[in-house]
């Protein structure tokens, strides 16, 4: 339950900061970063495991990136809207 509870608030966050077609661009940007992470993450984990002999460094890298992401989300200000070309 805790793993999936962030999905609703996360996707509704775009409507707080973007308007019009900018929301679609924001969704595309988020999805592209997710796809890049899904491609690069396993390679980085494997490279770190091969170099160090354990998954400890790879998990530290993953936890550091999650910490940075959470910090950036918490630093966002509310009610900043960017209007797109249609509105």
PDB file of N, CA and C in Angstrom:
ATOM      1  N   UNK A   1       0.831  -1.178   0.000  1.00  0.00           N
ATOM      2  CA  UNK A   1       0.000   0.000   0.000  1.00  0.00           C
ATOM      3  C   UNK A   1       0.882   1.251   0.000  1.00  0.00           C
ATOM      4  N   UNK A   2       1.941   1.239   0.753  1.00  0.00           N
ATOM      5  CA  UNK A   2       2.808   2.411   0.817  1.00  0.00           C
ATOM      6  C   UNK A   2       3.552   2.674  -0.466  1.00  0.00           C
ATOM      7  N   UNK A   3       3.900   1.591  -1.181  1.00  0.00           N
ATOM      8  CA  UNK A   3       4.641   1.757  -2.427  1.00  0.00           C
ATOM      9  C   UNK A   3       3.796   2.469  -3.475  1.00  0.00           C
ATOM     10  N   UNK A   4       2.532   2.114  -3.575  1.00  0.00           N
ATOM     11  CA  UNK A   4       1.675   2.655  -4.630  1.00  0.00           C
ATOM     12  C   UNK A   4       0.878   3.885  -4.210  1.00  0.00           C
ATOM     13  N   UNK A   5       0.947   4.296  -2.968  1.00  0.00           N
ATOM     14  CA  UNK A   5       0.124   5.411  -2.495  1.00  0.00           C
ATOM     15  C   UNK A   5       0.567   6.769  -3.040  1.00  0.00           C
ATOM     16  N   UNK A   6       1.757   6.871  -3.591  1.00  0.00           N
ATOM     17  CA  UNK A   6       2.237   8.147  -4.111  1.00  0.00           C
ATOM     18  C   UNK A   6       1.733   8.438  -5.526  1.00  0.00           C
ATOM     19  N   UNK A   7       1.214   7.460  -6.230  1.00  0.00           N
ATOM     20  CA  UNK A   7       0.908   7.621  -7.659  1.00  0.00           C
ATOM     21  C   UNK A   7      -0.151   8.692  -7.899  1.00  0.00           C
ATOM     22  N   UNK A   8      -1.238   8.663  -7.171  1.00  0.00           N
ATOM     23  CA  UNK A   8      -2.289   9.662  -7.367  1.00  0.00           C
ATOM     24  C   UNK A   8      -1.815  11.091  -7.131  1.00  0.00           C
ATOM     25  N   UNK A   9      -1.238  11.377  -5.978  1.00  0.00           N
ATOM     26  CA  UNK A   9      -0.730  12.729  -5.747  1.00  0.00           C
ATOM     27  C   UNK A   9       0.380  13.135  -6.710  1.00  0.00           C
ATOM     28  N   UNK A  10       1.227  12.183  -7.116  1.00  0.00           N
ATOM     29  CA  UNK A  10       2.323  12.509  -8.019  1.00  0.00           C
ATOM     30  C   UNK A  10       1.811  13.000  -9.367  1.00  0.00           C
ATOM     31  N   UNK A  11       0.876  12.287  -9.980  1.00  0.00           N
ATOM     32  CA  UNK A  11       0.394  12.683 -11.303  1.00  0.00           C
ATOM     33  C   UNK A  11      -0.506  13.910 -11.233  1.00  0.00           C
ATOM     34  N   UNK A  12      -1.145  14.153 -10.117  1.00  0.00           N
ATOM     35  CA  UNK A  12      -1.954  15.369 -10.007  1.00  0.00           C
ATOM     36  C   UNK A  12      -1.094  16.599  -9.744  1.00  0.00           C
ATOM     37  N   UNK A  13       0.160  16.413  -9.367  1.00  0.00           N
ATOM     38  CA  UNK A  13       1.069  17.534  -9.128  1.00  0.00           C
ATOM     39  C   UNK A  13       1.290  18.359 -10.396  1.00  0.00           C
ATOM     40  N   UNK A  14       1.245  17.721 -11.557  1.00  0.00           N
ATOM     41  CA  UNK A  14       1.438  18.443 -12.815  1.00  0.00           C
ATOM     42  C   UNK A  14       0.384  19.519 -13.020  1.00  0.00           C
ATOM     43  N   UNK A  15      -0.848  19.244 -12.601  1.00  0.00           N
ATOM     44  CA  UNK A  15      -1.920  20.230 -12.758  1.00  0.00           C
ATOM     45  C   UNK A  15      -1.734  21.438 -11.853  1.00  0.00           C
ATOM     46  N   UNK A  16      -0.959  21.302 -10.805  1.00  0.00           N
ATOM     47  CA  UNK A  16      -0.683  22.435  -9.918  1.00  0.00           C
ATOM     48  C   UNK A  16       0.277  23.433 -10.551  1.00  0.00           C
ATOM     49  N   UNK A  17       1.155  22.963 -11.418  1.00  0.00           N
ATOM     50  CA  UNK A  17       2.214  23.807 -11.949  1.00  0.00           C
ATOM     51  C   UNK A  17       2.089  24.086 -13.439  1.00  0.00           C
ATOM     52  N   UNK A  18       1.358  23.283 -14.175  1.00  0.00           N
ATOM     53  CA  UNK A  18       1.264  23.444 -15.620  1.00  0.00           C
ATOM     54  C   UNK A  18      -0.191  23.551 -16.047  1.00  0.00           C
ATOM     55  N   UNK A  19      -0.408  24.118 -17.231  1.00  0.00           N
ATOM     56  CA  UNK A  19      -1.757  24.248 -17.764  1.00  0.00           C
ATOM     57  C   UNK A  19      -1.729  23.972 -19.261  1.00  0.00           C
ATOM     58  N   UNK A  20      -2.868  23.563 -19.798  1.00  0.00           N
ATOM     59  CA  UNK A  20      -2.979  23.357 -21.238  1.00  0.00           C
ATOM     60  C   UNK A  20      -2.118  22.220 -21.744  1.00  0.00           C
ATOM     61  N   UNK A  21      -1.499  22.448 -22.893  1.00  0.00           N
ATOM     62  CA  UNK A  21      -0.682  21.388 -23.492  1.00  0.00           C
ATOM     63  C   UNK A  21       0.630  21.200 -22.746  1.00  0.00           C
ATOM     64  N   UNK A  22       0.965  22.102 -21.845  1.00  0.00           N
ATOM     65  CA  UNK A  22       2.175  21.936 -21.046  1.00  0.00           C
ATOM     66  C   UNK A  22       2.090  20.710 -20.146  1.00  0.00           C
ATOM     67  N   UNK A  23       0.865  20.334 -19.750  1.00  0.00           N
ATOM     68  CA  UNK A  23       0.685  19.140 -18.923  1.00  0.00           C
ATOM     69  C   UNK A  23       1.110  17.900 -19.709  1.00  0.00           C
ATOM     70  N   UNK A  24       0.717  17.841 -20.992  1.00  0.00           N
ATOM     71  CA  UNK A  24       1.094  16.697 -21.824  1.00  0.00           C
ATOM     72  C   UNK A  24       2.606  16.634 -22.001  1.00  0.00           C
ATOM     73  N   UNK A  25       3.236  17.777 -22.166  1.00  0.00           N
ATOM     74  CA  UNK A  25       4.688  17.818 -22.305  1.00  0.00           C
ATOM     75  C   UNK A  25       5.346  17.360 -21.002  1.00  0.00           C
ATOM     76  N   UNK A  26       4.804  17.772 -19.866  1.00  0.00           N
ATOM     77  CA  UNK A  26       5.330  17.346 -18.573  1.00  0.00           C
ATOM     78  C   UNK A  26       5.206  15.851 -18.370  1.00  0.00           C
ATOM     79  N   UNK A  27       4.068  15.282 -18.764  1.00  0.00           N
ATOM     80  CA  UNK A  27       3.877  13.835 -18.652  1.00  0.00           C
ATOM     81  C   UNK A  27       4.880  13.100 -19.537  1.00  0.00           C
ATOM     82  N   UNK A  28       5.077  13.611 -20.752  1.00  0.00           N
ATOM     83  CA  UNK A  28       6.049  12.981 -21.661  1.00  0.00           C
ATOM     84  C   UNK A  28       7.460  13.056 -21.093  1.00  0.00           C
ATOM     85  N   UNK A  29       7.805  14.179 -20.493  1.00  0.00           N
ATOM     86  CA  UNK A  29       9.134  14.328 -19.903  1.00  0.00           C
ATOM     87  C   UNK A  29       9.344  13.358 -18.742  1.00  0.00           C
ATOM     88  N   UNK A  30       8.352  13.238 -17.880  1.00  0.00           N
ATOM     89  CA  UNK A  30       8.433  12.317 -16.755  1.00  0.00           C
ATOM     90  C   UNK A  30       8.567  10.881 -17.249  1.00  0.00           C
ATOM     91  N   UNK A  31       7.771  10.517 -18.258  1.00  0.00           N
ATOM     92  CA  UNK A  31       7.853   9.158 -18.787  1.00  0.00           C
ATOM     93  C   UNK A  31       9.193   8.888 -19.458  1.00  0.00           C
ATOM     94  N   UNK A  32       9.745   9.886 -20.143  1.00  0.00           N
ATOM     95  CA  UNK A  32      11.046   9.668 -20.786  1.00  0.00           C
ATOM     96  C   UNK A  32      12.147   9.485 -19.744  1.00  0.00           C
ATOM     97  N   UNK A  33      12.116  10.234 -18.647  1.00  0.00           N
ATOM     98  CA  UNK A  33      13.091  10.022 -17.581  1.00  0.00           C
ATOM     99  C   UNK A  33      12.925   8.636 -16.950  1.00  0.00           C
ATOM    100  N   UNK A  34      11.681   8.199 -16.794  1.00  0.00           N
ATOM    101  CA  UNK A  34      11.441   6.855 -16.265  1.00  0.00           C
ATOM    102  C   UNK A  34      11.989   5.776 -17.178  1.00  0.00           C
ATOM    103  N   UNK A  35      11.802   5.944 -18.480  1.00  0.00           N
ATOM    104  CA  UNK A  35      12.325   4.963 -19.432  1.00  0.00           C
ATOM    105  C   UNK A  35      13.849   4.970 -19.463  1.00  0.00           C
ATOM    106  N   UNK A  36      14.444   6.149 -19.396  1.00  0.00           N
ATOM    107  CA  UNK A  36      15.908   6.230 -19.363  1.00  0.00           C
ATOM    108  C   UNK A  36      16.437   5.561 -18.099  1.00  0.00           C
ATOM    109  N   UNK A  37      15.788   5.805 -16.969  1.00  0.00           N
ATOM    110  CA  UNK A  37      16.194   5.167 -15.719  1.00  0.00           C
ATOM    111  C   UNK A  37      16.039   3.660 -15.761  1.00  0.00           C
ATOM    112  N   UNK A  38      14.985   3.176 -16.418  1.00  0.00           N
ATOM    113  CA  UNK A  38      14.788   1.740 -16.550  1.00  0.00           C
ATOM    114  C   UNK A  38      15.832   1.090 -17.441  1.00  0.00           C
ATOM    115  N   UNK A  39      16.409   1.854 -18.350  1.00  0.00           N
ATOM    116  CA  UNK A  39      17.452   1.332 -19.221  1.00  0.00           C
ATOM    117  C   UNK A  39      18.828   1.443 -18.581  1.00  0.00           C
ATOM    118  N   UNK A  40      19.135   2.599 -17.993  1.00  0.00           N
ATOM    119  CA  UNK A  40      20.465   2.854 -17.448  1.00  0.00           C
ATOM    120  C   UNK A  40      20.650   2.206 -16.073  1.00  0.00           C
ATOM    121  N   UNK A  41      19.606   2.147 -15.275  1.00  0.00           N
ATOM    122  CA  UNK A  41      19.703   1.626 -13.920  1.00  0.00           C
ATOM    123  C   UNK A  41      20.282   0.229 -13.819  1.00  0.00           C
ATOM    124  N   UNK A  42      19.748  -0.747 -14.552  1.00  0.00           N
ATOM    125  CA  UNK A  42      20.326  -2.094 -14.467  1.00  0.00           C
ATOM    126  C   UNK A  42      21.781  -2.157 -14.924  1.00  0.00           C
ATOM    127  N   UNK A  43      22.119  -1.383 -15.946  1.00  0.00           N
ATOM    128  CA  UNK A  43      23.510  -1.361 -16.381  1.00  0.00           C
ATOM    129  C   UNK A  43      24.428  -0.759 -15.309  1.00  0.00           C
ATOM    130  N   UNK A  44      23.969   0.309 -14.691  1.00  0.00           N
ATOM    131  CA  UNK A  44      24.772   0.925 -13.628  1.00  0.00           C
ATOM    132  C   UNK A  44      24.910  -0.018 -12.445  1.00  0.00           C
ATOM    133  N   UNK A  45      23.825  -0.691 -12.088  1.00  0.00           N
ATOM    134  CA  UNK A  45      23.874  -1.644 -10.972  1.00  0.00           C
ATOM    135  C   UNK A  45      24.842  -2.778 -11.282  1.00  0.00           C
ATOM    136  N   UNK A  46      24.797  -3.294 -12.510  1.00  0.00           N
ATOM    137  CA  UNK A  46      25.707  -4.365 -12.898  1.00  0.00           C
ATOM    138  C   UNK A  46      27.154  -3.911 -12.933  1.00  0.00           C
ATOM    139  N   UNK A  47      27.399  -2.699 -13.447  1.00  0.00           N
ATOM    140  CA  UNK A  47      28.770  -2.183 -13.512  1.00  0.00           C
ATOM    141  C   UNK A  47      29.346  -1.965 -12.114  1.00  0.00           C
ATOM    142  N   UNK A  48      28.536  -1.428 -11.217  1.00  0.00           N
ATOM    143  CA  UNK A  48      28.997  -1.210  -9.843  1.00  0.00           C
ATOM    144  C   UNK A  48      29.230  -2.540  -9.145  1.00  0.00           C
ATOM    145  N   UNK A  49      28.347  -3.516  -9.379  1.00  0.00           N
ATOM    146  CA  UNK A  49      28.517  -4.837  -8.776  1.00  0.00           C
ATOM    147  C   UNK A  49      29.780  -5.510  -9.304  1.00  0.00           C
ATOM    148  N   UNK A  50      30.031  -5.381 -10.585  1.00  0.00           N
ATOM    149  CA  UNK A  50      31.234  -5.993 -11.170  1.00  0.00           C
ATOM    150  C   UNK A  50      32.507  -5.345 -10.621  1.00  0.00           C
ATOM    151  N   UNK A  51      32.461  -4.028 -10.428  1.00  0.00           N
ATOM    152  CA  UNK A  51      33.652  -3.311  -9.966  1.00  0.00           C
ATOM    153  C   UNK A  51      33.927  -3.536  -8.473  1.00  0.00           C
ATOM    154  N   UNK A  52      32.855  -3.538  -7.674  1.00  0.00           N
ATOM    155  CA  UNK A  52      33.041  -3.624  -6.221  1.00  0.00           C
ATOM    156  C   UNK A  52      32.830  -5.029  -5.661  1.00  0.00           C
ATOM    157  N   UNK A  53      32.114  -5.873  -6.391  1.00  0.00           N
ATOM    158  CA  UNK A  53      31.846  -7.219  -5.898  1.00  0.00           C
ATOM    159  C   UNK A  53      30.609  -7.340  -5.032  1.00  0.00           C
ATOM    160  N   UNK A  54      29.860  -6.239  -4.854  1.00  0.00           N
ATOM    161  CA  UNK A  54      28.617  -6.312  -4.085  1.00  0.00           C
ATOM    162  C   UNK A  54      27.611  -5.303  -4.654  1.00  0.00           C
ATOM    163  N   UNK A  55      26.369  -5.493  -4.254  1.00  0.00           N
ATOM    164  CA  UNK A  55      25.317  -4.587  -4.698  1.00  0.00           C
ATOM    165  C   UNK A  55      25.188  -3.358  -3.804  1.00  0.00           C
ATOM    166  N   UNK A  56      25.996  -3.263  -2.793  1.00  0.00           N
ATOM    167  CA  UNK A  56      25.911  -2.170  -1.821  1.00  0.00           C
ATOM    168  C   UNK A  56      26.054  -0.798  -2.495  1.00  0.00           C
ATOM    169  N   UNK A  57      27.046  -0.629  -3.344  1.00  0.00           N
ATOM    170  CA  UNK A  57      27.256   0.656  -4.016  1.00  0.00           C
ATOM    171  C   UNK A  57      26.123   1.018  -4.954  1.00  0.00           C
ATOM    172  N   UNK A  58      25.590   0.027  -5.664  1.00  0.00           N
ATOM    173  CA  UNK A  58      24.467   0.281  -6.563  1.00  0.00           C
ATOM    174  C   UNK A  58      23.216   0.694  -5.817  1.00  0.00           C
ATOM    175  N   UNK A  59      22.983   0.038  -4.692  1.00  0.00           N
ATOM    176  CA  UNK A  59      21.822   0.412  -3.880  1.00  0.00           C
ATOM    177  C   UNK A  59      22.003   1.789  -3.249  1.00  0.00           C
ATOM    178  N   UNK A  60      23.222   2.141  -2.903  1.00  0.00           N
ATOM    179  CA  UNK A  60      23.482   3.494  -2.406  1.00  0.00           C
ATOM    180  C   UNK A  60      23.213   4.538  -3.488  1.00  0.00           C
ATOM    181  N   UNK A  61      23.610   4.235  -4.730  1.00  0.00           N
ATOM    182  CA  UNK A  61      23.329   5.138  -5.853  1.00  0.00           C
ATOM    183  C   UNK A  61      21.830   5.306  -6.055  1.00  0.00           C
ATOM    184  N   UNK A  62      21.096   4.193  -6.013  1.00  0.00           N
ATOM    185  CA  UNK A  62      19.639   4.263  -6.176  1.00  0.00           C
ATOM    186  C   UNK A  62      18.989   5.045  -5.040  1.00  0.00           C
ATOM    187  N   UNK A  63      19.425   4.811  -3.811  1.00  0.00           N
ATOM    188  CA  UNK A  63      18.826   5.531  -2.680  1.00  0.00           C
ATOM    189  C   UNK A  63      19.193   7.013  -2.717  1.00  0.00           C
ATOM    190  N   UNK A  64      20.390   7.350  -3.173  1.00  0.00           N
ATOM    191  CA  UNK A  64      20.762   8.761  -3.281  1.00  0.00           C
ATOM    192  C   UNK A  64      19.919   9.466  -4.330  1.00  0.00           C
ATOM    193  N   UNK A  65      19.654   8.799  -5.444  1.00  0.00           N
ATOM    194  CA  UNK A  65      18.821   9.436  -6.472  1.00  0.00           C
ATOM    195  C   UNK A  65      17.380   9.603  -5.992  1.00  0.00           C
ATOM    196  N   UNK A  66      16.877   8.638  -5.238  1.00  0.00           N
ATOM    197  CA  UNK A  66      15.527   8.779  -4.681  1.00  0.00           C
ATOM    198  C   UNK A  66      15.461   9.902  -3.655  1.00  0.00           C
ATOM    199  N   UNK A  67      16.504  10.041  -2.860  1.00  0.00           N
ATOM    200  CA  UNK A  67      16.557  11.118  -1.874  1.00  0.00           C
ATOM    201  C   UNK A  67      16.581  12.481  -2.559  1.00  0.00           C
ATOM    202  N   UNK A  68      17.373  12.625  -3.609  1.00  0.00           N
ATOM    203  CA  UNK A  68      17.434  13.886  -4.356  1.00  0.00           C
ATOM    204  C   UNK A  68      16.068  14.195  -4.978  1.00  0.00           C
ATOM    205  N   UNK A  69      15.411  13.178  -5.545  1.00  0.00           N
ATOM    206  CA  UNK A  69      14.088  13.381  -6.140  1.00  0.00           C
ATOM    207  C   UNK A  69      13.071  13.833  -5.098  1.00  0.00           C
ATOM    208  N   UNK A  70      13.063  13.192  -3.949  1.00  0.00           N
ATOM    209  CA  UNK A  70      12.120  13.572  -2.891  1.00  0.00           C
ATOM    210  C   UNK A  70      12.401  14.977  -2.384  1.00  0.00           C
ATOM    211  N   UNK A  71      13.670  15.336  -2.272  1.00  0.00           N
ATOM    212  CA  UNK A  71      14.030  16.679  -1.826  1.00  0.00           C
ATOM    213  C   UNK A  71      13.559  17.729  -2.825  1.00  0.00           C
ATOM    214  N   UNK A  72      13.734  17.463  -4.114  1.00  0.00           N
ATOM    215  CA  UNK A  72      13.284  18.412  -5.136  1.00  0.00           C
ATOM    216  C   UNK A  72      11.772  18.588  -5.113  1.00  0.00           C
ATOM    217  N   UNK A  73      11.032  17.500  -4.921  1.00  0.00           N
ATOM    218  CA  UNK A  73       9.568  17.588  -4.844  1.00  0.00           C
ATOM    219  C   UNK A  73       9.143  18.425  -3.639  1.00  0.00           C
ATOM    220  N   UNK A  74       9.806  18.221  -2.517  1.00  0.00           N
ATOM    221  CA  UNK A  74       9.437  18.969  -1.312  1.00  0.00           C
ATOM    222  C   UNK A  74       9.802  20.450  -1.406  1.00  0.00           C
ATOM    223  N   UNK A  75      10.740  20.799  -2.273  1.00  0.00           N
ATOM    224  CA  UNK A  75      11.151  22.194  -2.415  1.00  0.00           C
ATOM    225  C   UNK A  75      10.270  22.981  -3.384  1.00  0.00           C
ATOM    226  N   UNK A  76       9.346  22.314  -4.077  1.00  0.00           N
ATOM    227  CA  UNK A  76       8.483  23.000  -5.035  1.00  0.00           C
ATOM    228  C   UNK A  76       7.545  23.968  -4.331  1.00  0.00           C
ATOM    229  N   UNK A  77       7.323  25.085  -4.963  1.00  0.00           N
ATOM    230  CA  UNK A  77       6.354  26.044  -4.431  1.00  0.00           C
ATOM    231  C   UNK A  77       4.999  25.778  -5.049  1.00  0.00           C
ATOM    232  N   UNK A  78       3.952  26.116  -4.317  1.00  0.00           N
ATOM    233  CA  UNK A  78       2.597  25.866  -4.775  1.00  0.00           C
ATOM    234  C   UNK A  78       2.077  27.043  -5.598  1.00  0.00           C
ATOM    235  N   UNK A  79       1.129  26.752  -6.498  1.00  0.00           N
ATOM    236  CA  UNK A  79       0.400  27.748  -7.306  1.00  0.00           C
ATOM    237  C   UNK A  79       1.274  28.494  -8.308  1.00  0.00           C
ATOM    238  N   UNK A  80       2.289  27.878  -8.837  1.00  0.00           N
ATOM    239  CA  UNK A  80       3.048  28.441  -9.954  1.00  0.00           C
ATOM    240  C   UNK A  80       2.572  27.770 -11.203  1.00  0.00           C
ATOM    241  N   UNK A  81       1.855  28.483 -12.052  1.00  0.00           N
ATOM    242  CA  UNK A  81       1.326  27.872 -13.274  1.00  0.00           C
ATOM    243  C   UNK A  81       2.051  28.433 -14.480  1.00  0.00           C
ATOM    244  N   UNK A  82       2.385  27.534 -15.388  1.00  0.00           N
ATOM    245  CA  UNK A  82       2.951  27.903 -16.668  1.00  0.00           C
ATOM    246  C   UNK A  82       1.902  27.611 -17.704  1.00  0.00           C
ATOM    247  N   UNK A  83       1.517  28.607 -18.476  1.00  0.00           N
ATOM    248  CA  UNK A  83       0.489  28.392 -19.488  1.00  0.00           C
ATOM    249  C   UNK A  83       1.130  27.944 -20.786  1.00  0.00           C
ATOM    250  N   UNK A  84       0.461  27.039 -21.426  1.00  0.00           N
ATOM    251  CA  UNK A  84       0.951  26.528 -22.713  1.00  0.00           C
ATOM    252  C   UNK A  84       0.462  27.373 -23.865  1.00  0.00           C
ATOM    253  N   UNK A  85       0.722  26.933 -25.095  1.00  0.00           N
ATOM    254  CA  UNK A  85       0.334  27.706 -26.256  1.00  0.00           C
ATOM    255  C   UNK A  85      -1.180  27.846 -26.418  1.00  0.00           C
ATOM    256  N   UNK A  86      -1.961  26.905 -25.863  1.00  0.00           N
ATOM    257  CA  UNK A  86      -3.402  26.982 -26.009  1.00  0.00           C
ATOM    258  C   UNK A  86      -4.097  27.553 -24.781  1.00  0.00           C
ATOM    259  N   UNK A  87      -3.366  28.105 -23.878  1.00  0.00           N
ATOM    260  CA  UNK A  87      -4.090  28.645 -22.750  1.00  0.00           C
ATOM    261  C   UNK A  87      -3.235  29.178 -21.712  1.00  0.00           C
TER     262      UNK A  87
END
